[in-house]
Amino acid sequence: MDKLAIQKKRVIRRRLRIKQKIKRSESLRLCLSRSNKNFYAQIIDDQKGHTLVALSTLSKDFSGLKNSGNIEAAKQLGKKVAEIAISKGIKSVVFDRNGYLYHGKVKAFADSARENGLEF
């Protein structure tokens, strides 16, 4: 097995482990996705199947960023998502890091969202 296949298996295993923990909770889910250039965040109600808040670094709010895929962009996205969620009355969510390691950009996003009022 080549190195890429082994890494892909690890990500899938982590993603499944995270999803199992989230299914036990009946709270709203803060789902984070990322690419090399951008970040995407959604707050999803799995009971109804609705997305309540969706925001990415591609939106007009982040047009001033030089690089929208770095730690600074992740911090700003976390802050903005928390502000929008609190304005809609959402205070508590479950963090779905989608198989990504809790390190670097993902950690910066989560810390910023917590600092600005979201609980998870």
N, C-alpha and C. Protein backbone atom coordinates (compact mmCIF):
# COMPACT_ATOMS: atom_id res chain seq x y z
N MET A 1 0.83 -1.18 0.00
CA MET A 1 0.00 0.00 0.00
C MET A 1 0.88 1.24 0.00
N ASP A 2 0.54 2.18 -0.83
CA ASP A 2 1.35 3.39 -0.87
C ASP A 2 0.96 4.36 0.25
N LYS A 3 1.77 5.36 0.43
CA LYS A 3 1.62 6.30 1.54
C LYS A 3 0.30 7.07 1.47
N LEU A 4 -0.12 7.45 0.28
CA LEU A 4 -1.36 8.21 0.11
C LEU A 4 -2.59 7.39 0.52
N ALA A 5 -2.59 6.12 0.18
CA ALA A 5 -3.71 5.25 0.56
C ALA A 5 -3.79 5.08 2.07
N ILE A 6 -2.66 4.98 2.72
CA ILE A 6 -2.64 4.84 4.18
C ILE A 6 -3.16 6.11 4.83
N GLN A 7 -2.75 7.29 4.34
CA GLN A 7 -3.23 8.56 4.88
C GLN A 7 -4.73 8.69 4.70
N LYS A 8 -5.22 8.28 3.54
CA LYS A 8 -6.66 8.38 3.26
C LYS A 8 -7.46 7.49 4.21
N LYS A 9 -6.94 6.30 4.50
CA LYS A 9 -7.60 5.40 5.45
C LYS A 9 -7.67 6.02 6.84
N ARG A 10 -6.59 6.69 7.25
CA ARG A 10 -6.57 7.33 8.57
C ARG A 10 -7.61 8.42 8.66
N VAL A 11 -7.72 9.23 7.62
CA VAL A 11 -8.70 10.32 7.61
C VAL A 11 -10.12 9.75 7.69
N ILE A 12 -10.38 8.71 6.93
CA ILE A 12 -11.72 8.10 6.95
C ILE A 12 -12.02 7.52 8.31
N ARG A 13 -11.04 6.88 8.94
CA ARG A 13 -11.23 6.32 10.28
C ARG A 13 -11.53 7.42 11.30
N ARG A 14 -10.77 8.52 11.23
CA ARG A 14 -11.00 9.65 12.14
C ARG A 14 -12.38 10.24 11.92
N ARG A 15 -12.76 10.40 10.65
CA ARG A 15 -14.06 10.99 10.32
C ARG A 15 -15.19 10.14 10.88
N LEU A 16 -15.10 8.83 10.74
CA LEU A 16 -16.15 7.94 11.26
C LEU A 16 -16.21 7.99 12.79
N ARG A 17 -15.06 8.05 13.43
CA ARG A 17 -15.03 8.12 14.89
C ARG A 17 -15.69 9.41 15.38
N ILE A 18 -15.42 10.52 14.70
CA ILE A 18 -16.02 11.81 15.06
C ILE A 18 -17.53 11.77 14.84
N LYS A 19 -17.95 11.22 13.70
CA LYS A 19 -19.39 11.17 13.37
C LYS A 19 -20.17 10.34 14.39
N GLN A 20 -19.57 9.26 14.89
CA GLN A 20 -20.25 8.44 15.90
C GLN A 20 -20.50 9.22 17.17
N LYS A 21 -19.52 10.02 17.59
CA LYS A 21 -19.69 10.83 18.78
C LYS A 21 -20.76 11.90 18.58
N ILE A 22 -20.80 12.46 17.39
CA ILE A 22 -21.77 13.52 17.10
C ILE A 22 -23.19 12.96 17.04
N LYS A 23 -23.37 11.76 16.51
CA LYS A 23 -24.70 11.16 16.41
C LYS A 23 -25.33 10.93 17.77
N ARG A 24 -24.50 10.66 18.79
CA ARG A 24 -25.03 10.46 20.14
C ARG A 24 -25.62 11.74 20.70
N SER A 25 -25.08 12.86 20.31
CA SER A 25 -25.57 14.14 20.79
C SER A 25 -26.68 14.63 19.86
N GLU A 26 -27.67 15.27 20.40
CA GLU A 26 -28.76 15.77 19.57
C GLU A 26 -28.68 17.27 19.42
N SER A 27 -27.48 17.81 19.49
CA SER A 27 -27.26 19.24 19.39
C SER A 27 -27.00 19.63 17.94
N LEU A 28 -26.91 20.93 17.70
CA LEU A 28 -26.56 21.42 16.38
C LEU A 28 -25.08 21.12 16.12
N ARG A 29 -24.72 21.01 14.85
CA ARG A 29 -23.36 20.61 14.48
C ARG A 29 -22.68 21.73 13.73
N LEU A 30 -21.49 22.12 14.19
CA LEU A 30 -20.65 23.09 13.50
C LEU A 30 -19.66 22.29 12.67
N CYS A 31 -19.87 22.27 11.37
CA CYS A 31 -19.07 21.45 10.46
C CYS A 31 -18.05 22.33 9.74
N LEU A 32 -16.81 21.93 9.78
CA LEU A 32 -15.72 22.67 9.15
C LEU A 32 -15.16 21.85 7.99
N SER A 33 -14.98 22.51 6.86
CA SER A 33 -14.31 21.91 5.71
C SER A 33 -13.23 22.87 5.27
N ARG A 34 -12.19 22.33 4.67
CA ARG A 34 -11.14 23.23 4.21
C ARG A 34 -10.49 22.67 2.96
N SER A 35 -9.95 23.59 2.20
CA SER A 35 -9.11 23.23 1.06
C SER A 35 -7.78 23.94 1.28
N ASN A 36 -6.89 23.87 0.34
CA ASN A 36 -5.62 24.58 0.51
C ASN A 36 -5.80 26.09 0.44
N LYS A 37 -6.85 26.55 -0.22
CA LYS A 37 -7.03 27.99 -0.43
C LYS A 37 -8.16 28.59 0.40
N ASN A 38 -9.12 27.82 0.89
CA ASN A 38 -10.29 28.39 1.54
C ASN A 38 -10.78 27.52 2.70
N PHE A 39 -11.66 28.13 3.52
CA PHE A 39 -12.35 27.45 4.62
C PHE A 39 -13.84 27.58 4.43
N TYR A 40 -14.56 26.58 4.88
CA TYR A 40 -16.02 26.58 4.79
C TYR A 40 -16.56 26.12 6.14
N ALA A 41 -17.56 26.81 6.67
CA ALA A 41 -18.15 26.43 7.95
C ALA A 41 -19.66 26.48 7.84
N GLN A 42 -20.33 25.50 8.46
CA GLN A 42 -21.78 25.43 8.47
C GLN A 42 -22.25 25.02 9.85
N ILE A 43 -23.39 25.55 10.25
CA ILE A 43 -24.06 25.05 11.44
C ILE A 43 -25.31 24.34 10.94
N ILE A 44 -25.40 23.05 11.25
CA ILE A 44 -26.42 22.18 10.66
C ILE A 44 -27.29 21.60 11.75
N ASP A 45 -28.60 21.58 11.50
CA ASP A 45 -29.54 20.89 12.37
C ASP A 45 -29.82 19.53 11.73
N ASP A 46 -29.23 18.48 12.27
CA ASP A 46 -29.36 17.15 11.67
C ASP A 46 -30.74 16.55 11.87
N GLN A 47 -31.46 16.98 12.89
CA GLN A 47 -32.80 16.45 13.14
C GLN A 47 -33.76 16.85 12.01
N LYS A 48 -33.66 18.11 11.57
CA LYS A 48 -34.53 18.61 10.51
C LYS A 48 -33.89 18.55 9.13
N GLY A 49 -32.57 18.42 9.11
CA GLY A 49 -31.87 18.39 7.83
C GLY A 49 -31.70 19.76 7.22
N HIS A 50 -31.55 20.80 8.05
CA HIS A 50 -31.42 22.17 7.57
C HIS A 50 -30.05 22.75 7.94
N THR A 51 -29.54 23.58 7.06
CA THR A 51 -28.35 24.35 7.35
C THR A 51 -28.80 25.71 7.85
N LEU A 52 -28.40 26.06 9.07
CA LEU A 52 -28.84 27.30 9.69
C LEU A 52 -27.89 28.46 9.39
N VAL A 53 -26.60 28.19 9.38
CA VAL A 53 -25.59 29.21 9.09
C VAL A 53 -24.57 28.59 8.15
N ALA A 54 -24.24 29.30 7.09
CA ALA A 54 -23.20 28.83 6.17
C ALA A 54 -22.33 30.03 5.79
N LEU A 55 -21.04 29.85 5.92
CA LEU A 55 -20.12 30.94 5.63
C LEU A 55 -18.79 30.36 5.15
N SER A 56 -18.14 31.06 4.25
CA SER A 56 -16.82 30.62 3.79
C SER A 56 -15.94 31.84 3.56
N THR A 57 -14.67 31.59 3.39
CA THR A 57 -13.74 32.69 3.12
C THR A 57 -13.88 33.21 1.70
N LEU A 58 -14.74 32.61 0.91
CA LEU A 58 -15.01 33.10 -0.44
C LEU A 58 -16.05 34.22 -0.45
N SER A 59 -16.76 34.40 0.67
CA SER A 59 -17.82 35.41 0.72
C SER A 59 -17.24 36.81 0.73
N LYS A 60 -18.10 37.80 0.50
CA LYS A 60 -17.66 39.19 0.37
C LYS A 60 -17.08 39.75 1.66
N ASP A 61 -17.44 39.17 2.81
CA ASP A 61 -16.92 39.65 4.09
C ASP A 61 -15.41 39.48 4.20
N PHE A 62 -14.85 38.57 3.44
CA PHE A 62 -13.43 38.25 3.53
C PHE A 62 -12.65 38.71 2.30
N SER A 63 -13.16 39.69 1.59
CA SER A 63 -12.49 40.14 0.37
C SER A 63 -11.17 40.85 0.65
N GLY A 64 -10.96 41.36 1.88
CA GLY A 64 -9.74 42.07 2.22
C GLY A 64 -8.57 41.16 2.55
N LEU A 65 -8.80 39.86 2.65
CA LEU A 65 -7.73 38.93 3.00
C LEU A 65 -6.79 38.70 1.82
N LYS A 66 -5.51 38.70 2.10
CA LYS A 66 -4.53 38.41 1.06
C LYS A 66 -4.50 36.92 0.76
N ASN A 67 -4.52 36.11 1.84
CA ASN A 67 -4.53 34.66 1.69
C ASN A 67 -5.70 34.13 2.52
N SER A 68 -6.65 33.48 1.89
CA SER A 68 -7.85 33.03 2.60
C SER A 68 -7.76 31.58 3.06
N GLY A 69 -6.57 31.01 3.06
CA GLY A 69 -6.40 29.63 3.50
C GLY A 69 -5.43 29.48 4.65
N ASN A 70 -5.09 30.59 5.32
CA ASN A 70 -4.10 30.51 6.39
C ASN A 70 -4.77 30.60 7.77
N ILE A 71 -3.96 30.62 8.82
CA ILE A 71 -4.47 30.63 10.19
C ILE A 71 -5.25 31.91 10.47
N GLU A 72 -4.79 33.03 9.97
CA GLU A 72 -5.49 34.30 10.20
C GLU A 72 -6.90 34.27 9.61
N ALA A 73 -7.04 33.71 8.42
CA ALA A 73 -8.35 33.58 7.79
C ALA A 73 -9.25 32.66 8.61
N ALA A 74 -8.68 31.59 9.17
CA ALA A 74 -9.45 30.66 9.99
C ALA A 74 -9.96 31.36 11.25
N LYS A 75 -9.13 32.21 11.86
CA LYS A 75 -9.55 32.95 13.05
C LYS A 75 -10.69 33.90 12.72
N GLN A 76 -10.58 34.61 11.60
CA GLN A 76 -11.63 35.54 11.22
C GLN A 76 -12.93 34.82 10.89
N LEU A 77 -12.84 33.67 10.24
CA LEU A 77 -14.04 32.90 9.93
C LEU A 77 -14.70 32.40 11.21
N GLY A 78 -13.92 31.93 12.17
CA GLY A 78 -14.47 31.49 13.45
C GLY A 78 -15.20 32.61 14.17
N LYS A 79 -14.61 33.79 14.15
CA LYS A 79 -15.23 34.95 14.79
C LYS A 79 -16.55 35.30 14.12
N LYS A 80 -16.55 35.33 12.79
CA LYS A 80 -17.75 35.71 12.03
C LYS A 80 -18.87 34.67 12.20
N VAL A 81 -18.52 33.40 12.17
CA VAL A 81 -19.52 32.34 12.35
C VAL A 81 -20.15 32.44 13.74
N ALA A 82 -19.33 32.69 14.76
CA ALA A 82 -19.85 32.82 16.12
C ALA A 82 -20.79 34.02 16.24
N GLU A 83 -20.43 35.14 15.63
CA GLU A 83 -21.28 36.33 15.68
C GLU A 83 -22.64 36.07 15.03
N ILE A 84 -22.63 35.44 13.85
CA ILE A 84 -23.88 35.16 13.14
C ILE A 84 -24.72 34.16 13.93
N ALA A 85 -24.09 33.13 14.49
CA ALA A 85 -24.82 32.12 15.25
C ALA A 85 -25.48 32.74 16.49
N ILE A 86 -24.75 33.57 17.20
CA ILE A 86 -25.32 34.19 18.40
C ILE A 86 -26.44 35.14 18.04
N SER A 87 -26.33 35.84 16.91
CA SER A 87 -27.42 36.72 16.49
C SER A 87 -28.68 35.93 16.13
N LYS A 88 -28.51 34.65 15.74
CA LYS A 88 -29.66 33.79 15.43
C LYS A 88 -30.13 33.00 16.65
N GLY A 89 -29.48 33.20 17.80
CA GLY A 89 -29.89 32.53 19.03
C GLY A 89 -29.25 31.17 19.25
N ILE A 90 -28.19 30.88 18.55
CA ILE A 90 -27.49 29.60 18.70
C ILE A 90 -26.29 29.83 19.61
N LYS A 91 -26.24 29.11 20.73
CA LYS A 91 -25.12 29.28 21.64
C LYS A 91 -24.29 28.01 21.78
N SER A 92 -24.92 26.85 21.68
CA SER A 92 -24.23 25.59 21.92
C SER A 92 -24.26 24.72 20.67
N VAL A 93 -23.11 24.21 20.27
CA VAL A 93 -23.00 23.34 19.10
C VAL A 93 -22.03 22.21 19.41
N VAL A 94 -21.98 21.23 18.53
CA VAL A 94 -20.99 20.17 18.58
C VAL A 94 -20.04 20.40 17.42
N PHE A 95 -18.74 20.37 17.68
CA PHE A 95 -17.75 20.68 16.66
C PHE A 95 -17.42 19.44 15.84
N ASP A 96 -17.68 19.51 14.54
CA ASP A 96 -17.36 18.43 13.61
C ASP A 96 -16.17 18.89 12.77
N ARG A 97 -14.99 18.38 13.11
CA ARG A 97 -13.78 18.80 12.40
C ARG A 97 -13.57 18.01 11.13
N ASN A 98 -14.48 17.10 10.84
CA ASN A 98 -14.55 16.43 9.54
C ASN A 98 -13.31 15.61 9.21
N GLY A 99 -12.69 15.01 10.21
CA GLY A 99 -11.53 14.15 9.98
C GLY A 99 -10.21 14.88 10.01
N TYR A 100 -10.22 16.21 10.09
CA TYR A 100 -8.97 16.97 10.15
C TYR A 100 -8.41 16.89 11.56
N LEU A 101 -7.10 16.90 11.67
CA LEU A 101 -6.45 16.90 12.97
C LEU A 101 -6.73 18.23 13.67
N TYR A 102 -6.90 18.18 14.98
CA TYR A 102 -7.15 19.40 15.76
C TYR A 102 -5.81 20.08 16.00
N HIS A 103 -5.35 20.80 14.98
CA HIS A 103 -4.03 21.40 15.03
C HIS A 103 -3.98 22.51 13.99
N GLY A 104 -3.25 23.56 14.25
CA GLY A 104 -3.04 24.60 13.26
C GLY A 104 -4.29 25.38 12.92
N LYS A 105 -4.70 25.32 11.66
CA LYS A 105 -5.83 26.11 11.16
C LYS A 105 -7.14 25.70 11.83
N VAL A 106 -7.33 24.41 12.02
CA VAL A 106 -8.57 23.92 12.64
C VAL A 106 -8.65 24.37 14.09
N LYS A 107 -7.55 24.31 14.79
CA LYS A 107 -7.50 24.76 16.19
C LYS A 107 -7.72 26.26 16.28
N ALA A 108 -7.15 27.03 15.37
CA ALA A 108 -7.33 28.48 15.36
C ALA A 108 -8.79 28.84 15.13
N PHE A 109 -9.46 28.12 14.21
CA PHE A 109 -10.89 28.34 13.96
C PHE A 109 -11.71 28.06 15.21
N ALA A 110 -11.47 26.92 15.83
CA ALA A 110 -12.24 26.52 17.02
C ALA A 110 -12.02 27.48 18.18
N ASP A 111 -10.78 27.87 18.43
CA ASP A 111 -10.48 28.79 19.53
C ASP A 111 -11.15 30.14 19.30
N SER A 112 -11.12 30.62 18.08
CA SER A 112 -11.74 31.90 17.76
C SER A 112 -13.26 31.85 17.94
N ALA A 113 -13.88 30.75 17.53
CA ALA A 113 -15.33 30.61 17.70
C ALA A 113 -15.70 30.56 19.19
N ARG A 114 -14.88 29.86 19.98
CA ARG A 114 -15.13 29.80 21.43
C ARG A 114 -14.97 31.16 22.09
N GLU A 115 -13.93 31.89 21.71
CA GLU A 115 -13.69 33.21 22.29
C GLU A 115 -14.82 34.18 22.02
N ASN A 116 -15.52 33.98 20.92
CA ASN A 116 -16.57 34.90 20.52
C ASN A 116 -17.97 34.40 20.90
N GLY A 117 -18.05 33.40 21.78
CA GLY A 117 -19.33 33.07 22.37
C GLY A 117 -19.92 31.71 22.10
N LEU A 118 -19.42 30.96 21.15
CA LEU A 118 -19.98 29.63 20.90
C LEU A 118 -19.45 28.65 21.95
N GLU A 119 -20.29 27.73 22.36
CA GLU A 119 -19.90 26.73 23.36
C GLU A 119 -19.84 25.36 22.69
N PHE A 120 -18.68 24.73 22.78
CA PHE A 120 -18.52 23.34 22.34
C PHE A 120 -17.27 22.77 22.94
